[in-house]
N, C-alpha and C. Protein backbone atom coordinates (compact mmCIF):
# COMPACT_ATOMS: atom_id res chain seq x y z
N MET A 1 0.89 -1.57 -0.10
CA MET A 1 0.42 -0.13 -0.06
C MET A 1 0.87 1.48 0.05
N GLU A 2 0.15 1.91 -0.93
CA GLU A 2 1.33 3.36 -1.35
C GLU A 2 0.86 4.10 0.14
N TYR A 3 1.61 4.81 0.52
CA TYR A 3 1.86 5.98 1.62
C TYR A 3 0.85 7.11 1.96
N ARG A 4 0.06 7.20 2.46
CA ARG A 4 -0.68 8.52 1.91
C ARG A 4 -1.16 9.26 3.86
N LYS A 5 -1.29 9.97 3.39
CA LYS A 5 -0.84 11.58 5.07
C LYS A 5 -2.73 11.98 4.97
N CYS A 6 -3.22 12.51 5.59
CA CYS A 6 -4.09 13.02 5.93
C CYS A 6 -3.68 14.70 5.62
N PHE A 7 -4.20 14.97 4.91
CA PHE A 7 -4.53 16.98 4.19
C PHE A 7 -5.03 17.53 5.25
N VAL A 8 -5.28 17.25 5.90
CA VAL A 8 -6.03 18.09 7.34
C VAL A 8 -4.38 19.21 8.00
N PRO A 9 -4.65 20.50 7.79
CA PRO A 9 -3.12 20.43 8.31
C PRO A 9 -3.14 20.03 9.94
N THR A 10 -4.01 20.45 10.86
CA THR A 10 -4.18 19.64 12.40
C THR A 10 -3.80 18.54 12.45
N CYS A 11 -4.25 17.17 11.68
CA CYS A 11 -3.84 16.22 11.71
C CYS A 11 -2.31 15.45 11.49
N SER A 12 -2.27 14.68 12.24
CA SER A 12 -0.78 13.86 12.05
C SER A 12 -1.34 12.49 11.74
N ASN A 13 -2.12 11.89 11.35
CA ASN A 13 -2.25 10.78 10.74
C ASN A 13 -1.85 10.53 9.03
N ASN A 14 -0.94 8.97 9.05
CA ASN A 14 -1.06 8.99 7.67
C ASN A 14 -0.73 7.46 8.15
N SER A 15 -0.45 6.69 7.06
CA SER A 15 -0.39 4.92 6.66
C SER A 15 0.69 4.17 7.41
N LYS A 16 1.64 5.17 7.81
CA LYS A 16 2.07 4.51 8.82
C LYS A 16 1.54 3.81 10.24
N ASN A 17 1.99 5.78 10.85
CA ASN A 17 1.62 5.42 12.61
C ASN A 17 -0.14 5.71 12.52
N SER A 18 -0.62 5.25 11.61
CA SER A 18 -2.27 5.02 12.02
C SER A 18 -2.64 3.82 10.76
N PRO A 19 -2.10 2.70 11.16
CA PRO A 19 -2.31 1.59 10.15
C PRO A 19 -3.94 1.17 9.85
N ASN A 20 -4.26 1.78 11.15
CA ASN A 20 -5.66 0.45 11.37
C ASN A 20 -7.38 1.63 11.19
N LYS A 21 -6.56 3.32 10.92
CA LYS A 21 -7.58 4.02 10.22
C LYS A 21 -7.67 4.26 8.61
N ILE A 22 -9.16 4.50 8.28
CA ILE A 22 -9.38 4.30 7.25
C ILE A 22 -9.00 5.67 6.49
N ILE A 23 -7.56 5.49 5.60
CA ILE A 23 -7.54 6.88 4.77
C ILE A 23 -7.99 6.86 2.92
N VAL A 24 -8.75 7.24 2.85
CA VAL A 24 -9.36 7.76 1.86
C VAL A 24 -8.75 8.37 0.61
N ARG A 25 -8.65 8.69 -0.57
CA ARG A 25 -8.58 9.57 -1.69
C ARG A 25 -9.57 10.62 -1.67
N ILE A 26 -9.35 11.89 -1.75
CA ILE A 26 -10.21 12.44 -1.59
C ILE A 26 -10.85 12.29 -2.95
N ARG A 27 -12.01 12.76 -3.74
CA ARG A 27 -12.76 12.49 -5.27
C ARG A 27 -12.84 13.98 -5.35
N GLU A 28 -12.20 14.58 -6.95
CA GLU A 28 -12.28 15.31 -7.24
C GLU A 28 -13.33 16.20 -7.15
N ASP A 29 -14.73 15.86 -7.36
CA ASP A 29 -15.56 16.93 -7.72
C ASP A 29 -15.31 17.36 -5.92
N LEU A 30 -15.10 16.78 -5.09
CA LEU A 30 -14.93 17.13 -3.31
C LEU A 30 -14.10 18.03 -3.11
N ARG A 31 -12.68 17.74 -3.46
CA ARG A 31 -11.55 18.26 -3.21
C ARG A 31 -11.27 19.94 -3.19
N LYS A 32 -11.73 20.73 -3.65
CA LYS A 32 -11.79 22.34 -4.02
C LYS A 32 -12.81 22.58 -2.53
N LYS A 33 -13.68 22.13 -2.31
CA LYS A 33 -14.66 22.13 -1.25
C LYS A 33 -14.02 21.93 -0.02
N TRP A 34 -13.52 20.78 0.40
CA TRP A 34 -13.12 20.52 1.47
C TRP A 34 -11.81 21.05 1.72
N CYS A 35 -11.50 22.02 0.45
CA CYS A 35 -9.93 22.30 0.96
C CYS A 35 -10.48 23.86 1.50
N ARG A 36 -11.48 24.57 1.16
CA ARG A 36 -11.71 25.86 1.45
C ARG A 36 -12.45 25.06 3.22
N ASP A 37 -13.31 24.43 3.16
CA ASP A 37 -13.73 24.16 4.57
C ASP A 37 -12.75 23.86 5.92
N VAL A 38 -11.49 23.35 5.23
CA VAL A 38 -10.06 23.10 6.06
C VAL A 38 -9.12 23.70 6.27
N GLY A 39 -9.84 25.25 4.88
CA GLY A 39 -8.34 25.91 5.35
C GLY A 39 -6.99 25.53 4.54
N VAL A 40 -7.07 25.03 4.00
CA VAL A 40 -5.66 24.42 2.40
C VAL A 40 -5.79 24.74 1.10
N GLU A 41 -4.76 25.59 1.10
CA GLU A 41 -4.70 25.15 -0.54
C GLU A 41 -4.71 24.10 -1.57
N TYR A 42 -5.88 24.45 -2.53
CA TYR A 42 -6.18 23.70 -3.34
C TYR A 42 -5.37 23.63 -4.23
N HIS A 43 -4.72 22.31 -4.89
CA HIS A 43 -3.92 21.90 -5.93
C HIS A 43 -4.26 20.98 -7.07
N LYS A 44 -5.04 21.09 -8.28
CA LYS A 44 -5.52 20.59 -8.86
C LYS A 44 -4.71 18.93 -9.53
N VAL A 45 -3.42 19.42 -8.79
CA VAL A 45 -2.96 18.13 -9.82
C VAL A 45 -2.01 17.04 -8.47
N TYR A 46 -2.67 17.34 -7.43
CA TYR A 46 -1.99 16.78 -6.38
C TYR A 46 -3.46 15.70 -6.46
N THR A 47 -3.21 14.40 -5.76
CA THR A 47 -3.93 13.68 -5.03
C THR A 47 -3.97 13.99 -3.55
N GLN A 48 -5.06 14.14 -3.28
CA GLN A 48 -5.39 14.40 -1.55
C GLN A 48 -5.39 13.57 -0.63
N TYR A 49 -5.78 12.80 0.28
CA TYR A 49 -6.31 11.89 1.15
C TYR A 49 -6.82 12.59 2.24
N CYS A 50 -7.77 11.85 2.72
CA CYS A 50 -8.30 12.29 4.31
C CYS A 50 -8.77 10.74 5.47
N CYS A 51 -7.62 11.06 6.26
CA CYS A 51 -8.57 10.05 7.53
C CYS A 51 -9.84 10.24 8.00
N GLU A 52 -10.75 9.00 8.66
CA GLU A 52 -11.66 8.37 8.97
C GLU A 52 -11.98 9.49 10.17
N ASP A 53 -10.90 10.64 10.77
CA ASP A 53 -11.13 11.34 11.89
C ASP A 53 -12.01 12.20 11.04
N HIS A 54 -12.15 12.67 9.84
CA HIS A 54 -12.84 14.40 9.46
C HIS A 54 -13.97 13.94 8.79
N PHE A 55 -14.58 12.34 8.65
CA PHE A 55 -16.14 12.25 8.15
C PHE A 55 -16.16 11.24 8.87
N ASP A 56 -17.71 10.50 8.26
CA ASP A 56 -17.90 9.55 8.53
C ASP A 56 -18.36 8.67 8.20
N PRO A 57 -17.41 7.36 8.47
CA PRO A 57 -17.16 6.06 7.42
C PRO A 57 -18.30 5.62 6.92
N LYS A 58 -19.16 5.32 7.76
CA LYS A 58 -20.29 4.45 7.36
C LYS A 58 -21.76 5.37 6.82
N LYS A 59 -21.52 6.48 6.42
CA LYS A 59 -22.61 7.05 5.74
C LYS A 59 -21.47 7.51 4.58
N ASP A 60 -20.32 8.25 4.62
CA ASP A 60 -19.65 8.76 3.56
C ASP A 60 -19.36 7.82 2.56
N LEU A 61 -18.80 6.77 2.96
CA LEU A 61 -17.78 5.22 1.89
C LEU A 61 -19.36 4.95 1.46
N LYS A 62 -19.09 4.73 -0.39
CA LYS A 62 -19.96 4.07 -1.35
C LYS A 62 -19.82 2.66 -1.04
N ASN A 63 -18.44 2.54 0.23
CA ASN A 63 -17.99 0.71 -0.43
C ASN A 63 -17.44 -0.06 1.42
N TYR A 64 -17.99 1.00 2.01
CA TYR A 64 -17.79 0.74 3.54
C TYR A 64 -17.44 -0.61 3.98
N TYR A 65 -18.45 -1.32 3.97
CA TYR A 65 -19.11 -2.77 4.32
C TYR A 65 -17.76 -3.84 3.40
N GLN A 66 -17.48 -3.32 2.27
CA GLN A 66 -16.59 -4.10 1.45
C GLN A 66 -15.05 -3.95 1.72
N HIS A 67 -14.97 -2.50 2.19
CA HIS A 67 -13.78 -1.90 2.46
C HIS A 67 -13.38 -3.28 4.06
N LYS A 68 -14.41 -3.12 4.44
CA LYS A 68 -14.04 -3.60 5.87
C LYS A 68 -13.69 -5.21 5.73
N PHE A 69 -14.65 -6.07 5.10
CA PHE A 69 -14.63 -7.07 4.81
C PHE A 69 -13.63 -7.60 4.04
N LEU A 70 -13.89 -6.87 2.78
CA LEU A 70 -12.99 -7.66 1.52
C LEU A 70 -11.77 -6.43 0.86
N ASN A 71 -11.59 -6.06 1.72
CA ASN A 71 -10.27 -4.72 1.47
C ASN A 71 -9.99 -4.32 0.16
N GLN A 72 -11.25 -3.72 -0.28
CA GLN A 72 -11.54 -3.03 -1.18
C GLN A 72 -11.03 -1.53 -1.10
N GLU A 73 -10.69 -1.04 -1.79
CA GLU A 73 -10.48 0.64 -1.83
C GLU A 73 -11.53 1.11 -1.32
N PRO A 74 -11.39 1.89 -0.28
CA PRO A 74 -12.66 2.97 -0.04
C PRO A 74 -12.74 4.13 -1.04
N ARG A 75 -13.94 4.15 -1.17
CA ARG A 75 -14.64 5.39 -1.72
C ARG A 75 -15.74 5.93 -1.20
N LEU A 76 -15.58 7.32 -1.70
CA LEU A 76 -16.35 8.43 -1.33
C LEU A 76 -17.63 8.80 -2.23
N LYS A 77 -18.63 8.99 -1.19
CA LYS A 77 -20.01 9.08 -1.93
C LYS A 77 -19.59 10.75 -2.57
N PRO A 78 -20.73 10.49 -3.82
CA PRO A 78 -20.35 12.58 -4.46
C PRO A 78 -21.32 13.79 -2.56
N THR A 79 -21.99 12.91 -1.92
CA THR A 79 -22.63 13.57 -0.94
C THR A 79 -21.67 13.77 0.22
N ALA A 80 -20.45 12.77 0.40
CA ALA A 80 -19.53 12.85 1.63
C ALA A 80 -19.36 14.31 1.87
N SER A 81 -19.11 14.60 3.54
CA SER A 81 -19.18 16.12 3.85
C SER A 81 -18.09 15.84 4.79
N ILE A 82 -17.35 17.08 5.18
CA ILE A 82 -15.73 16.56 6.18
C ILE A 82 -16.07 17.66 7.52
N CYS A 83 -15.84 17.18 8.27
CA CYS A 83 -15.99 17.75 9.55
C CYS A 83 -14.60 18.15 9.99
N CYS A 84 -13.99 19.24 10.45
CA CYS A 84 -12.54 19.76 10.25
C CYS A 84 -11.69 18.95 11.54
N SER A 85 -12.27 18.64 12.57
CA SER A 85 -11.02 17.68 13.30
C SER A 85 -11.93 16.85 14.34
N ALA A 86 -10.80 16.43 14.68
CA ALA A 86 -11.09 15.26 15.12
C ALA A 86 -11.54 15.48 16.86
N PRO A 87 -12.61 15.07 17.30
CA PRO A 87 -12.87 15.47 18.82
C PRO A 87 -12.20 15.25 19.91
N ASN A 88 -11.75 13.49 19.87
CA ASN A 88 -11.12 13.45 21.53
C ASN A 88 -9.81 14.85 21.15
N LYS A 89 -9.06 14.31 19.77
CA LYS A 89 -8.04 14.53 20.03
C LYS A 89 -8.09 16.58 20.62
N SER A 90 -8.46 17.22 19.73
CA SER A 90 -8.96 18.65 20.18
C SER A 90 -9.03 19.07 21.93
N GLU A 91 -9.84 17.90 22.94
CA GLU A 91 -10.41 17.80 23.66
C GLU A 91 -8.40 17.81 24.49
N GLU A 92 -8.17 17.00 23.99
CA GLU A 92 -6.64 16.38 24.46
C GLU A 92 -5.45 17.40 24.78
N SER A 93 -5.97 18.24 23.44
CA SER A 93 -4.86 19.03 23.36
C SER A 93 -4.89 20.61 23.76
N THR A 94 -6.41 20.75 24.15
CA THR A 94 -6.50 21.93 25.06
C THR A 94 -6.37 21.38 26.26
N GLU A 95 -6.94 20.30 27.13
CA GLU A 95 -6.51 19.83 28.38
C GLU A 95 -4.91 20.06 28.18
N LEU A 96 -3.98 19.71 27.02
CA LEU A 96 -2.94 19.75 27.66
C LEU A 96 -2.18 20.98 27.61
N ALA A 97 -2.55 21.95 26.26
CA ALA A 97 -2.20 23.50 26.96
C ALA A 97 -2.57 24.12 27.88
N LYS A 98 -4.02 23.53 28.93
CA LYS A 98 -4.10 24.19 29.78
C LYS A 98 -3.18 24.23 30.77
N LEU A 99 -2.36 22.99 30.88
CA LEU A 99 -1.32 22.01 31.68
C LEU A 99 -0.19 23.20 31.47
N LEU A 100 0.04 22.79 30.10
CA LEU A 100 1.27 23.71 30.05
C LEU A 100 1.62 25.04 30.35
N LEU A 101 0.63 25.64 30.40
CA LEU A 101 0.53 27.45 30.29
C LEU A 101 0.09 27.64 32.03
N GLN A 102 0.12 26.69 32.56
CA GLN A 102 0.27 27.32 34.11
C GLN A 102 0.97 27.87 34.74
N ASP A 103 0.86 28.69 35.44
CA ASP A 103 1.59 29.62 36.05
C ASP A 103 2.03 28.72 37.61
N THR A 104 3.37 28.07 37.68
CA THR A 104 3.74 27.12 38.35
C THR A 104 4.89 28.22 39.27
N THR A 105 5.42 29.64 38.98
CA THR A 105 5.65 30.45 40.37
C THR A 105 5.14 31.11 41.57
N THR A 106 3.42 30.68 41.21
CA THR A 106 2.79 31.39 42.35
C THR A 106 2.37 30.24 43.73
N ARG A 107 3.43 29.09 43.08
CA ARG A 107 2.78 28.32 44.01
C ARG A 107 3.46 28.64 45.75
N LYS A 108 3.06 28.02 46.79
CA LYS A 108 3.63 28.19 48.11
C LYS A 108 4.31 26.94 47.82
N PRO A 109 5.48 26.89 48.59
CA PRO A 109 6.93 25.59 49.08
C PRO A 109 6.33 24.72 50.06
N VAL A 110 6.34 23.78 49.77
CA VAL A 110 5.42 22.70 50.87
C VAL A 110 6.03 22.60 51.90
N LYS A 111 6.07 22.53 53.34
CA LYS A 111 6.90 22.29 54.27
C LYS A 111 6.78 20.69 54.73
N ARG A 112 7.63 20.90 55.44
CA ARG A 112 7.53 18.59 55.53
C ARG A 112 8.08 18.94 56.96
N LYS A 113 7.93 18.29 57.65
CA LYS A 113 7.58 18.04 58.71
C LYS A 113 8.34 16.42 58.55
N TYR A 114 9.59 16.61 59.56
CA TYR A 114 10.40 15.65 60.14
C TYR A 114 10.89 15.35 61.71
N GLU A 115 10.86 13.90 61.60
CA GLU A 115 10.23 13.72 62.82
C GLU A 115 11.56 12.95 63.17
N ASP A 116 12.16 12.32 64.32
CA ASP A 116 13.33 12.08 64.79
C ASP A 116 12.62 10.06 65.27
N THR A 117 12.01 10.45 64.73
CA THR A 117 11.30 8.55 64.89
C THR A 117 12.09 7.67 63.87
N ILE A 118 12.66 6.93 64.31
CA ILE A 118 13.19 5.68 63.37
C ILE A 118 11.91 4.12 63.02
N MET A 119 11.44 3.48 62.20
CA MET A 119 11.03 2.47 62.30
C MET A 119 11.86 1.24 61.96
N PRO A 120 12.09 0.15 62.90
CA PRO A 120 12.73 -1.02 62.71
C PRO A 120 12.09 -1.38 61.44
N SER A 121 12.95 -1.75 60.68
CA SER A 121 12.48 -2.51 59.18
C SER A 121 12.01 -4.12 59.21
N THR A 122 12.90 -4.61 59.85
CA THR A 122 12.13 -5.93 59.92
C THR A 122 12.23 -6.39 61.33
N SER A 123 12.08 -6.46 62.37
CA SER A 123 11.06 -6.66 63.76
C SER A 123 10.55 -7.91 64.03
N SER A 124 10.83 -8.90 64.50
CA SER A 124 9.80 -9.87 65.14
C SER A 124 9.36 -9.89 66.41
N TYR A 125 10.43 -8.61 66.84
CA TYR A 125 9.36 -8.77 68.80
C TYR A 125 7.99 -7.41 68.13
N SER A 126 8.38 -6.36 67.74
CA SER A 126 7.93 -4.52 67.66
C SER A 126 7.59 -4.27 66.52
N THR A 127 6.75 -3.56 66.33
CA THR A 127 6.59 -2.72 64.88
C THR A 127 6.19 -0.88 65.75
N LEU A 128 6.89 -0.78 67.58
CA LEU A 128 6.31 0.35 67.80
C LEU A 128 7.69 0.91 67.38
N PRO A 129 7.21 2.43 66.90
CA PRO A 129 8.27 3.44 66.01
C PRO A 129 9.80 3.22 68.01
N VAL A 130 10.65 3.50 67.50
CA VAL A 130 12.10 4.24 68.51
C VAL A 130 12.18 5.05 68.93
N LYS A 131 12.60 5.80 69.22
CA LYS A 131 12.84 7.28 69.80
C LYS A 131 14.69 7.30 69.22
N ALA A 132 15.05 8.05 68.29
CA ALA A 132 16.50 7.86 68.03
C ALA A 132 17.11 8.33 69.72
N GLY A 133 18.26 8.00 69.54
CA GLY A 133 19.39 8.75 70.73
C GLY A 133 19.10 7.78 72.14
N LEU A 134 18.32 6.77 72.41
CA LEU A 134 18.44 6.01 73.78
C LEU A 134 19.06 5.25 73.62
């Protein structure tokens, strides 16, 4: 199988790192509209691919079951529509961005209390703490 990369700029899916995802060739009649919807420059010469995170495979593929069970090349319907982002990925990335942008300098240092108590590591007689210096 040839190398395929999703054309959506924020998507990193390709045929190597996501071998189980459906990556479909975008039909010529849909390519201009999908490029405009995603904000990518349209090139008539290049073949563009889109991964299943950006469309509904069961609804938008002509041969969804043939692809799944008979390993046929997936083909988009003329009425296929694109949704610009994968929901799980965008939620994770916003949570990660919040964590990375947190200000860590305003936290108070944690005061730790040290005791002079020594616990015997292995003792068959007692598990009570022993005071140091006795």
